[in-house]
Amino acid sequence: CKNNLKQIGLAMHNYHDTHRVFPPGWVQGTSTGTVNWGWSTYILPFVDQAPLYNTLSPNGTAMAGASGNLIKLISVYTCPSDPGAVQNGS
């Protein structure tokens, strides 16, 4: 768990170094039916999840191909020792 927290912290700082601001806590969709995004989405490229980030396209309006990825398990956001956490997609 400590390593995952460290990776999230580093991702936040790398986001800040790139954008000169920390990621937003929450961004509401621009119209009815759009998805709301949080900080965990915006740091995906900095936790080795750039392809997923590009599929989700949080800065755009298109959701093409994203719906199946909305439930994707991202290992850095789960504690490996948590017996209740879903591991390896099971």
PDB file of N, CA and C in Angstrom:
ATOM      1  N   CYS A   1       0.819  -1.197   0.000  1.00  0.00           N
ATOM      2  CA  CYS A   1       0.000   0.000   0.000  1.00  0.00           C
ATOM      3  C   CYS A   1       0.863   1.261   0.000  1.00  0.00           C
ATOM      4  N   LYS A   2       1.950   1.223   0.767  1.00  0.00           N
ATOM      5  CA  LYS A   2       2.799   2.420   0.847  1.00  0.00           C
ATOM      6  C   LYS A   2       3.367   2.783  -0.515  1.00  0.00           C
ATOM      7  N   ASN A   3       3.772   1.774  -1.279  1.00  0.00           N
ATOM      8  CA  ASN A   3       4.326   2.054  -2.601  1.00  0.00           C
ATOM      9  C   ASN A   3       3.260   2.665  -3.513  1.00  0.00           C
ATOM     10  N   ASN A   4       2.029   2.170  -3.440  1.00  0.00           N
ATOM     11  CA  ASN A   4       0.957   2.739  -4.258  1.00  0.00           C
ATOM     12  C   ASN A   4       0.703   4.196  -3.892  1.00  0.00           C
ATOM     13  N   LEU A   5       0.690   4.494  -2.587  1.00  0.00           N
ATOM     14  CA  LEU A   5       0.507   5.881  -2.157  1.00  0.00           C
ATOM     15  C   LEU A   5       1.647   6.765  -2.641  1.00  0.00           C
ATOM     16  N   LYS A   6       2.851   6.225  -2.619  1.00  0.00           N
ATOM     17  CA  LYS A   6       4.008   6.973  -3.122  1.00  0.00           C
ATOM     18  C   LYS A   6       3.842   7.249  -4.614  1.00  0.00           C
ATOM     19  N   GLN A   7       3.398   6.247  -5.374  1.00  0.00           N
ATOM     20  CA  GLN A   7       3.209   6.412  -6.815  1.00  0.00           C
ATOM     21  C   GLN A   7       2.124   7.451  -7.110  1.00  0.00           C
ATOM     22  N   ILE A   8       1.053   7.449  -6.319  1.00  0.00           N
ATOM     23  CA  ILE A   8      -0.007   8.444  -6.498  1.00  0.00           C
ATOM     24  C   ILE A   8       0.526   9.839  -6.178  1.00  0.00           C
ATOM     25  N   GLY A   9       1.300   9.958  -5.107  1.00  0.00           N
ATOM     26  CA  GLY A   9       1.901  11.245  -4.757  1.00  0.00           C
ATOM     27  C   GLY A   9       2.829  11.757  -5.842  1.00  0.00           C
ATOM     28  N   LEU A  10       3.655  10.874  -6.378  1.00  0.00           N
ATOM     29  CA  LEU A  10       4.554  11.263  -7.471  1.00  0.00           C
ATOM     30  C   LEU A  10       3.763  11.666  -8.709  1.00  0.00           C
ATOM     31  N   ALA A  11       2.693  10.944  -8.987  1.00  0.00           N
ATOM     32  CA  ALA A  11       1.858  11.274 -10.145  1.00  0.00           C
ATOM     33  C   ALA A  11       1.234  12.658  -9.983  1.00  0.00           C
ATOM     34  N   MET A  12       0.796  12.975  -8.770  1.00  0.00           N
ATOM     35  CA  MET A  12       0.228  14.303  -8.508  1.00  0.00           C
ATOM     36  C   MET A  12       1.264  15.392  -8.765  1.00  0.00           C
ATOM     37  N   HIS A  13       2.478  15.172  -8.297  1.00  0.00           N
ATOM     38  CA  HIS A  13       3.534  16.167  -8.500  1.00  0.00           C
ATOM     39  C   HIS A  13       3.942  16.253  -9.964  1.00  0.00           C
ATOM     40  N   ASN A  14       3.969  15.135 -10.665  1.00  0.00           N
ATOM     41  CA  ASN A  14       4.283  15.173 -12.092  1.00  0.00           C
ATOM     42  C   ASN A  14       3.189  15.894 -12.873  1.00  0.00           C
ATOM     43  N   TYR A  15       1.942  15.683 -12.484  1.00  0.00           N
ATOM     44  CA  TYR A  15       0.836  16.426 -13.097  1.00  0.00           C
ATOM     45  C   TYR A  15       1.056  17.925 -12.870  1.00  0.00           C
ATOM     46  N   HIS A  16       1.397  18.275 -11.628  1.00  0.00           N
ATOM     47  CA  HIS A  16       1.640  19.682 -11.292  1.00  0.00           C
ATOM     48  C   HIS A  16       2.798  20.253 -12.103  1.00  0.00           C
ATOM     49  N   ASP A  17       3.870  19.500 -12.242  1.00  0.00           N
ATOM     50  CA  ASP A  17       5.014  19.971 -13.022  1.00  0.00           C
ATOM     51  C   ASP A  17       4.628  20.211 -14.479  1.00  0.00           C
ATOM     52  N   THR A  18       3.731  19.392 -15.001  1.00  0.00           N
ATOM     53  CA  THR A  18       3.309  19.512 -16.394  1.00  0.00           C
ATOM     54  C   THR A  18       2.306  20.640 -16.599  1.00  0.00           C
ATOM     55  N   HIS A  19       1.335  20.764 -15.693  1.00  0.00           N
ATOM     56  CA  HIS A  19       0.215  21.690 -15.886  1.00  0.00           C
ATOM     57  C   HIS A  19       0.269  22.936 -15.001  1.00  0.00           C
ATOM     58  N   ARG A  20       1.250  23.005 -14.119  1.00  0.00           N
ATOM     59  CA  ARG A  20       1.445  24.138 -13.204  1.00  0.00           C
ATOM     60  C   ARG A  20       0.289  24.303 -12.213  1.00  0.00           C
ATOM     61  N   VAL A  21      -0.461  23.255 -12.008  1.00  0.00           N
ATOM     62  CA  VAL A  21      -1.571  23.231 -11.056  1.00  0.00           C
ATOM     63  C   VAL A  21      -1.825  21.765 -10.714  1.00  0.00           C
ATOM     64  N   PHE A  22      -2.332  21.508  -9.508  1.00  0.00           N
ATOM     65  CA  PHE A  22      -2.689  20.136  -9.169  1.00  0.00           C
ATOM     66  C   PHE A  22      -3.983  19.765  -9.893  1.00  0.00           C
ATOM     67  N   PRO A  23      -4.232  18.481 -10.095  1.00  0.00           N
ATOM     68  CA  PRO A  23      -5.452  18.093 -10.812  1.00  0.00           C
ATOM     69  C   PRO A  23      -6.697  18.494 -10.024  1.00  0.00           C
ATOM     70  N   PRO A  24      -7.780  18.755 -10.736  1.00  0.00           N
ATOM     71  CA  PRO A  24      -9.012  19.135 -10.048  1.00  0.00           C
ATOM     72  C   PRO A  24      -9.558  17.970  -9.231  1.00  0.00           C
ATOM     73  N   GLY A  25     -10.205  18.287  -8.132  1.00  0.00           N
ATOM     74  CA  GLY A  25     -10.819  17.241  -7.329  1.00  0.00           C
ATOM     75  C   GLY A  25     -11.985  16.596  -8.057  1.00  0.00           C
ATOM     76  N   TRP A  26     -12.708  17.410  -8.817  1.00  0.00           N
ATOM     77  CA  TRP A  26     -13.893  16.921  -9.515  1.00  0.00           C
ATOM     78  C   TRP A  26     -14.226  17.882 -10.636  1.00  0.00           C
ATOM     79  N   VAL A  27     -14.562  17.364 -11.803  1.00  0.00           N
ATOM     80  CA  VAL A  27     -14.982  18.189 -12.930  1.00  0.00           C
ATOM     81  C   VAL A  27     -16.317  17.647 -13.403  1.00  0.00           C
ATOM     82  N   GLN A  28     -17.332  18.475 -13.336  1.00  0.00           N
ATOM     83  CA  GLN A  28     -18.660  18.048 -13.752  1.00  0.00           C
ATOM     84  C   GLN A  28     -18.750  18.037 -15.261  1.00  0.00           C
ATOM     85  N   GLY A  29     -19.500  17.081 -15.793  1.00  0.00           N
ATOM     86  CA  GLY A  29     -19.734  17.018 -17.229  1.00  0.00           C
ATOM     87  C   GLY A  29     -20.395  18.294 -17.721  1.00  0.00           C
ATOM     88  N   THR A  30     -20.225  18.589 -18.987  1.00  0.00           N
ATOM     89  CA  THR A  30     -20.718  19.851 -19.538  1.00  0.00           C
ATOM     90  C   THR A  30     -22.184  19.804 -19.937  1.00  0.00           C
ATOM     91  N   SER A  31     -22.753  18.624 -20.070  1.00  0.00           N
ATOM     92  CA  SER A  31     -24.162  18.529 -20.442  1.00  0.00           C
ATOM     93  C   SER A  31     -24.757  17.252 -19.859  1.00  0.00           C
ATOM     94  N   THR A  32     -26.043  17.134 -19.962  1.00  0.00           N
ATOM     95  CA  THR A  32     -26.724  15.950 -19.448  1.00  0.00           C
ATOM     96  C   THR A  32     -26.194  14.703 -20.148  1.00  0.00           C
ATOM     97  N   GLY A  33     -25.915  13.698 -19.374  1.00  0.00           N
ATOM     98  CA  GLY A  33     -25.433  12.444 -19.936  1.00  0.00           C
ATOM     99  C   GLY A  33     -23.928  12.345 -20.054  1.00  0.00           C
ATOM    100  N   THR A  34     -23.202  13.388 -19.701  1.00  0.00           N
ATOM    101  CA  THR A  34     -21.748  13.307 -19.762  1.00  0.00           C
ATOM    102  C   THR A  34     -21.209  12.827 -18.428  1.00  0.00           C
ATOM    103  N   VAL A  35     -20.018  12.337 -18.458  1.00  0.00           N
ATOM    104  CA  VAL A  35     -19.392  11.751 -17.277  1.00  0.00           C
ATOM    105  C   VAL A  35     -18.677  12.820 -16.471  1.00  0.00           C
ATOM    106  N   ASN A  36     -18.698  12.668 -15.160  1.00  0.00           N
ATOM    107  CA  ASN A  36     -17.940  13.543 -14.271  1.00  0.00           C
ATOM    108  C   ASN A  36     -16.599  12.882 -13.983  1.00  0.00           C
ATOM    109  N   TRP A  37     -15.540  13.653 -13.966  1.00  0.00           N
ATOM    110  CA  TRP A  37     -14.198  13.109 -13.771  1.00  0.00           C
ATOM    111  C   TRP A  37     -13.581  13.658 -12.497  1.00  0.00           C
ATOM    112  N   GLY A  38     -12.752  12.852 -11.850  1.00  0.00           N
ATOM    113  CA  GLY A  38     -12.038  13.268 -10.653  1.00  0.00           C
ATOM    114  C   GLY A  38     -10.538  13.230 -10.866  1.00  0.00           C
ATOM    115  N   TRP A  39      -9.808  13.611  -9.826  1.00  0.00           N
ATOM    116  CA  TRP A  39      -8.350  13.688  -9.894  1.00  0.00           C
ATOM    117  C   TRP A  39      -7.731  12.367 -10.329  1.00  0.00           C
ATOM    118  N   SER A  40      -8.328  11.259  -9.923  1.00  0.00           N
ATOM    119  CA  SER A  40      -7.740   9.955 -10.249  1.00  0.00           C
ATOM    120  C   SER A  40      -7.732   9.694 -11.749  1.00  0.00           C
ATOM    121  N   THR A  41      -8.650  10.319 -12.475  1.00  0.00           N
ATOM    122  CA  THR A  41      -8.656  10.199 -13.932  1.00  0.00           C
ATOM    123  C   THR A  41      -7.548  11.046 -14.538  1.00  0.00           C
ATOM    124  N   TYR A  42      -7.392  12.248 -14.030  1.00  0.00           N
ATOM    125  CA  TYR A  42      -6.433  13.180 -14.618  1.00  0.00           C
ATOM    126  C   TYR A  42      -4.978  12.779 -14.401  1.00  0.00           C
ATOM    127  N   ILE A  43      -4.703  11.950 -13.401  1.00  0.00           N
ATOM    128  CA  ILE A  43      -3.311  11.526 -13.200  1.00  0.00           C
ATOM    129  C   ILE A  43      -3.011  10.179 -13.858  1.00  0.00           C
ATOM    130  N   LEU A  44      -3.973   9.607 -14.582  1.00  0.00           N
ATOM    131  CA  LEU A  44      -3.738   8.317 -15.234  1.00  0.00           C
ATOM    132  C   LEU A  44      -2.465   8.288 -16.087  1.00  0.00           C
ATOM    133  N   PRO A  45      -2.186   9.321 -16.901  1.00  0.00           N
ATOM    134  CA  PRO A  45      -0.957   9.261 -17.700  1.00  0.00           C
ATOM    135  C   PRO A  45       0.311   9.195 -16.845  1.00  0.00           C
ATOM    136  N   PHE A  46       0.215   9.623 -15.606  1.00  0.00           N
ATOM    137  CA  PHE A  46       1.379   9.668 -14.727  1.00  0.00           C
ATOM    138  C   PHE A  46       1.503   8.420 -13.852  1.00  0.00           C
ATOM    139  N   VAL A  47       0.548   7.488 -13.990  1.00  0.00           N
ATOM    140  CA  VAL A  47       0.643   6.187 -13.316  1.00  0.00           C
ATOM    141  C   VAL A  47       0.646   5.075 -14.368  1.00  0.00           C
ATOM    142  N   ASP A  48       1.266   5.362 -15.494  1.00  0.00           N
ATOM    143  CA  ASP A  48       1.422   4.403 -16.597  1.00  0.00           C
ATOM    144  C   ASP A  48       0.096   3.917 -17.159  1.00  0.00           C
ATOM    145  N   GLN A  49      -0.883   4.794 -17.223  1.00  0.00           N
ATOM    146  CA  GLN A  49      -2.193   4.448 -17.775  1.00  0.00           C
ATOM    147  C   GLN A  49      -2.611   5.432 -18.870  1.00  0.00           C
ATOM    148  N   ALA A  50      -1.640   5.913 -19.661  1.00  0.00           N
ATOM    149  CA  ALA A  50      -1.946   6.878 -20.721  1.00  0.00           C
ATOM    150  C   ALA A  50      -2.930   6.330 -21.753  1.00  0.00           C
ATOM    151  N   PRO A  51      -2.813   5.064 -22.188  1.00  0.00           N
ATOM    152  CA  PRO A  51      -3.800   4.563 -23.156  1.00  0.00           C
ATOM    153  C   PRO A  51      -5.235   4.602 -22.611  1.00  0.00           C
ATOM    154  N   LEU A  52      -5.408   4.263 -21.343  1.00  0.00           N
ATOM    155  CA  LEU A  52      -6.736   4.327 -20.734  1.00  0.00           C
ATOM    156  C   LEU A  52      -7.217   5.774 -20.677  1.00  0.00           C
ATOM    157  N   TYR A  53      -6.351   6.687 -20.278  1.00  0.00           N
ATOM    158  CA  TYR A  53      -6.692   8.109 -20.225  1.00  0.00           C
ATOM    159  C   TYR A  53      -7.141   8.595 -21.601  1.00  0.00           C
ATOM    160  N   ASN A  54      -6.411   8.219 -22.639  1.00  0.00           N
ATOM    161  CA  ASN A  54      -6.753   8.647 -23.993  1.00  0.00           C
ATOM    162  C   ASN A  54      -8.092   8.074 -24.442  1.00  0.00           C
ATOM    163  N   THR A  55      -8.409   6.852 -24.018  1.00  0.00           N
ATOM    164  CA  THR A  55      -9.692   6.247 -24.357  1.00  0.00           C
ATOM    165  C   THR A  55     -10.834   6.980 -23.669  1.00  0.00           C
ATOM    166  N   LEU A  56     -10.626   7.341 -22.409  1.00  0.00           N
ATOM    167  CA  LEU A  56     -11.673   8.032 -21.651  1.00  0.00           C
ATOM    168  C   LEU A  56     -11.888   9.453 -22.141  1.00  0.00           C
ATOM    169  N   SER A  57     -10.830  10.107 -22.594  1.00  0.00           N
ATOM    170  CA  SER A  57     -10.889  11.470 -23.122  1.00  0.00           C
ATOM    171  C   SER A  57     -11.608  12.434 -22.175  1.00  0.00           C
ATOM    172  N   PRO A  58     -11.102  12.606 -20.942  1.00  0.00           N
ATOM    173  CA  PRO A  58     -11.805  13.459 -19.981  1.00  0.00           C
ATOM    174  C   PRO A  58     -11.862  14.937 -20.353  1.00  0.00           C
ATOM    175  N   ASN A  59     -10.998  15.389 -21.238  1.00  0.00           N
ATOM    176  CA  ASN A  59     -11.030  16.795 -21.640  1.00  0.00           C
ATOM    177  C   ASN A  59     -11.880  17.022 -22.878  1.00  0.00           C
ATOM    178  N   GLY A  60     -12.415  15.940 -23.434  1.00  0.00           N
ATOM    179  CA  GLY A  60     -13.259  16.055 -24.615  1.00  0.00           C
ATOM    180  C   GLY A  60     -14.695  15.714 -24.286  1.00  0.00           C
ATOM    181  N   THR A  61     -15.510  15.637 -25.315  1.00  0.00           N
ATOM    182  CA  THR A  61     -16.916  15.311 -25.106  1.00  0.00           C
ATOM    183  C   THR A  61     -17.242  13.902 -25.568  1.00  0.00           C
ATOM    184  N   ALA A  62     -16.365  13.296 -26.336  1.00  0.00           N
ATOM    185  CA  ALA A  62     -16.642  11.962 -26.871  1.00  0.00           C
ATOM    186  C   ALA A  62     -16.425  10.894 -25.810  1.00  0.00           C
ATOM    187  N   MET A  63     -17.310   9.927 -25.784  1.00  0.00           N
ATOM    188  CA  MET A  63     -17.169   8.797 -24.875  1.00  0.00           C
ATOM    189  C   MET A  63     -17.027   7.502 -25.660  1.00  0.00           C
ATOM    190  N   ALA A  64     -16.762   7.591 -26.944  1.00  0.00           N
ATOM    191  CA  ALA A  64     -16.667   6.402 -27.781  1.00  0.00           C
ATOM    192  C   ALA A  64     -15.643   5.434 -27.225  1.00  0.00           C
ATOM    193  N   GLY A  65     -16.068   4.217 -26.990  1.00  0.00           N
ATOM    194  CA  GLY A  65     -15.166   3.178 -26.512  1.00  0.00           C
ATOM    195  C   GLY A  65     -14.815   3.260 -25.049  1.00  0.00           C
ATOM    196  N   ALA A  66     -15.350   4.225 -24.336  1.00  0.00           N
ATOM    197  CA  ALA A  66     -14.931   4.414 -22.950  1.00  0.00           C
ATOM    198  C   ALA A  66     -15.742   3.613 -21.944  1.00  0.00           C
ATOM    199  N   SER A  67     -16.977   3.275 -22.253  1.00  0.00           N
ATOM    200  CA  SER A  67     -17.860   2.701 -21.237  1.00  0.00           C
ATOM    201  C   SER A  67     -17.301   1.430 -20.601  1.00  0.00           C
ATOM    202  N   GLY A  68     -16.705   0.548 -21.371  1.00  0.00           N
ATOM    203  CA  GLY A  68     -16.114  -0.661 -20.805  1.00  0.00           C
ATOM    204  C   GLY A  68     -14.913  -0.368 -19.939  1.00  0.00           C
ATOM    205  N   ASN A  69     -14.242   0.727 -20.205  1.00  0.00           N
ATOM    206  CA  ASN A  69     -13.059   1.097 -19.434  1.00  0.00           C
ATOM    207  C   ASN A  69     -13.401   1.808 -18.129  1.00  0.00           C
ATOM    208  N   LEU A  70     -14.650   2.210 -17.970  1.00  0.00           N
ATOM    209  CA  LEU A  70     -15.033   2.914 -16.749  1.00  0.00           C
ATOM    210  C   LEU A  70     -14.974   2.011 -15.526  1.00  0.00           C
ATOM    211  N   ILE A  71     -14.995   0.703 -15.733  1.00  0.00           N
ATOM    212  CA  ILE A  71     -14.940  -0.236 -14.612  1.00  0.00           C
ATOM    213  C   ILE A  71     -13.589  -0.939 -14.526  1.00  0.00           C
ATOM    214  N   LYS A  72     -12.610  -0.475 -15.265  1.00  0.00           N
ATOM    215  CA  LYS A  72     -11.286  -1.096 -15.287  1.00  0.00           C
ATOM    216  C   LYS A  72     -10.593  -0.940 -13.936  1.00  0.00           C
ATOM    217  N   LEU A  73     -10.051  -2.038 -13.440  1.00  0.00           N
ATOM    218  CA  LEU A  73      -9.287  -2.020 -12.198  1.00  0.00           C
ATOM    219  C   LEU A  73      -7.904  -1.439 -12.472  1.00  0.00           C
ATOM    220  N   ILE A  74      -7.518  -0.459 -11.696  1.00  0.00           N
ATOM    221  CA  ILE A  74      -6.205   0.160 -11.829  1.00  0.00           C
ATOM    222  C   ILE A  74      -5.440  -0.173 -10.558  1.00  0.00           C
ATOM    223  N   SER A  75      -4.397  -0.957 -10.706  1.00  0.00           N
ATOM    224  CA  SER A  75      -3.721  -1.549  -9.553  1.00  0.00           C
ATOM    225  C   SER A  75      -3.184  -0.521  -8.563  1.00  0.00           C
ATOM    226  N   VAL A  76      -2.749   0.639  -9.032  1.00  0.00           N
ATOM    227  CA  VAL A  76      -2.179   1.629  -8.116  1.00  0.00           C
ATOM    228  C   VAL A  76      -3.240   2.191  -7.165  1.00  0.00           C
ATOM    229  N   TYR A  77      -4.515   2.052  -7.518  1.00  0.00           N
ATOM    230  CA  TYR A  77      -5.590   2.554  -6.670  1.00  0.00           C
ATOM    231  C   TYR A  77      -6.144   1.506  -5.706  1.00  0.00           C
ATOM    232  N   THR A  78      -5.551   0.330  -5.680  1.00  0.00           N
ATOM    233  CA  THR A  78      -5.974  -0.707  -4.736  1.00  0.00           C
ATOM    234  C   THR A  78      -4.773  -1.191  -3.941  1.00  0.00           C
ATOM    235  N   CYS A  79      -5.017  -1.580  -2.715  1.00  0.00           N
ATOM    236  CA  CYS A  79      -3.951  -2.104  -1.866  1.00  0.00           C
ATOM    237  C   CYS A  79      -3.798  -3.598  -2.141  1.00  0.00           C
ATOM    238  N   PRO A  80      -2.611  -4.053  -2.513  1.00  0.00           N
ATOM    239  CA  PRO A  80      -2.413  -5.472  -2.826  1.00  0.00           C
ATOM    240  C   PRO A  80      -2.748  -6.406  -1.665  1.00  0.00           C
ATOM    241  N   SER A  81      -2.642  -5.930  -0.442  1.00  0.00           N
ATOM    242  CA  SER A  81      -2.909  -6.796   0.703  1.00  0.00           C
ATOM    243  C   SER A  81      -4.368  -6.746   1.168  1.00  0.00           C
ATOM    244  N   ASP A  82      -5.209  -5.977   0.503  1.00  0.00           N
ATOM    245  CA  ASP A  82      -6.617  -5.880   0.885  1.00  0.00           C
ATOM    246  C   ASP A  82      -7.360  -7.123   0.415  1.00  0.00           C
ATOM    247  N   PRO A  83      -7.838  -7.951   1.339  1.00  0.00           N
ATOM    248  CA  PRO A  83      -8.516  -9.180   0.929  1.00  0.00           C
ATOM    249  C   PRO A  83      -9.845  -8.915   0.227  1.00  0.00           C
ATOM    250  N   GLY A  84     -10.412  -7.737   0.403  1.00  0.00           N
ATOM    251  CA  GLY A  84     -11.676  -7.408  -0.238  1.00  0.00           C
ATOM    252  C   GLY A  84     -11.517  -6.774  -1.605  1.00  0.00           C
ATOM    253  N   ALA A  85     -10.298  -6.427  -1.974  1.00  0.00           N
ATOM    254  CA  ALA A  85     -10.062  -5.779  -3.263  1.00  0.00           C
ATOM    255  C   ALA A  85     -10.086  -6.803  -4.383  1.00  0.00           C
ATOM    256  N   VAL A  86     -10.649  -6.402  -5.495  1.00  0.00           N
ATOM    257  CA  VAL A  86     -10.643  -7.262  -6.669  1.00  0.00           C
ATOM    258  C   VAL A  86      -9.239  -7.240  -7.241  1.00  0.00           C
ATOM    259  N   GLN A  87      -8.658  -8.387  -7.465  1.00  0.00           N
ATOM    260  CA  GLN A  87      -7.302  -8.472  -7.999  1.00  0.00           C
ATOM    261  C   GLN A  87      -7.313  -9.175  -9.350  1.00  0.00           C
ATOM    262  N   ASN A  88      -6.571  -8.652 -10.295  1.00  0.00           N
ATOM    263  CA  ASN A  88      -6.398  -9.269 -11.608  1.00  0.00           C
ATOM    264  C   ASN A  88      -7.721  -9.547 -12.309  1.00  0.00           C
ATOM    265  N   GLY A  89      -8.666  -8.658 -12.140  1.00  0.00           N
ATOM    266  CA  GLY A  89      -9.928  -8.770 -12.857  1.00  0.00           C
ATOM    267  C   GLY A  89     -10.851  -9.858 -12.364  1.00  0.00           C
ATOM    268  N   SER A  90     -10.554 -10.486 -11.228  1.00  0.00           N
ATOM    269  CA  SER A  90     -11.440 -11.551 -10.738  1.00  0.00           C
ATOM    270  C   SER A  90     -12.164 -11.118  -9.483  1.00  0.00           C
TER     271      SER A  90
END
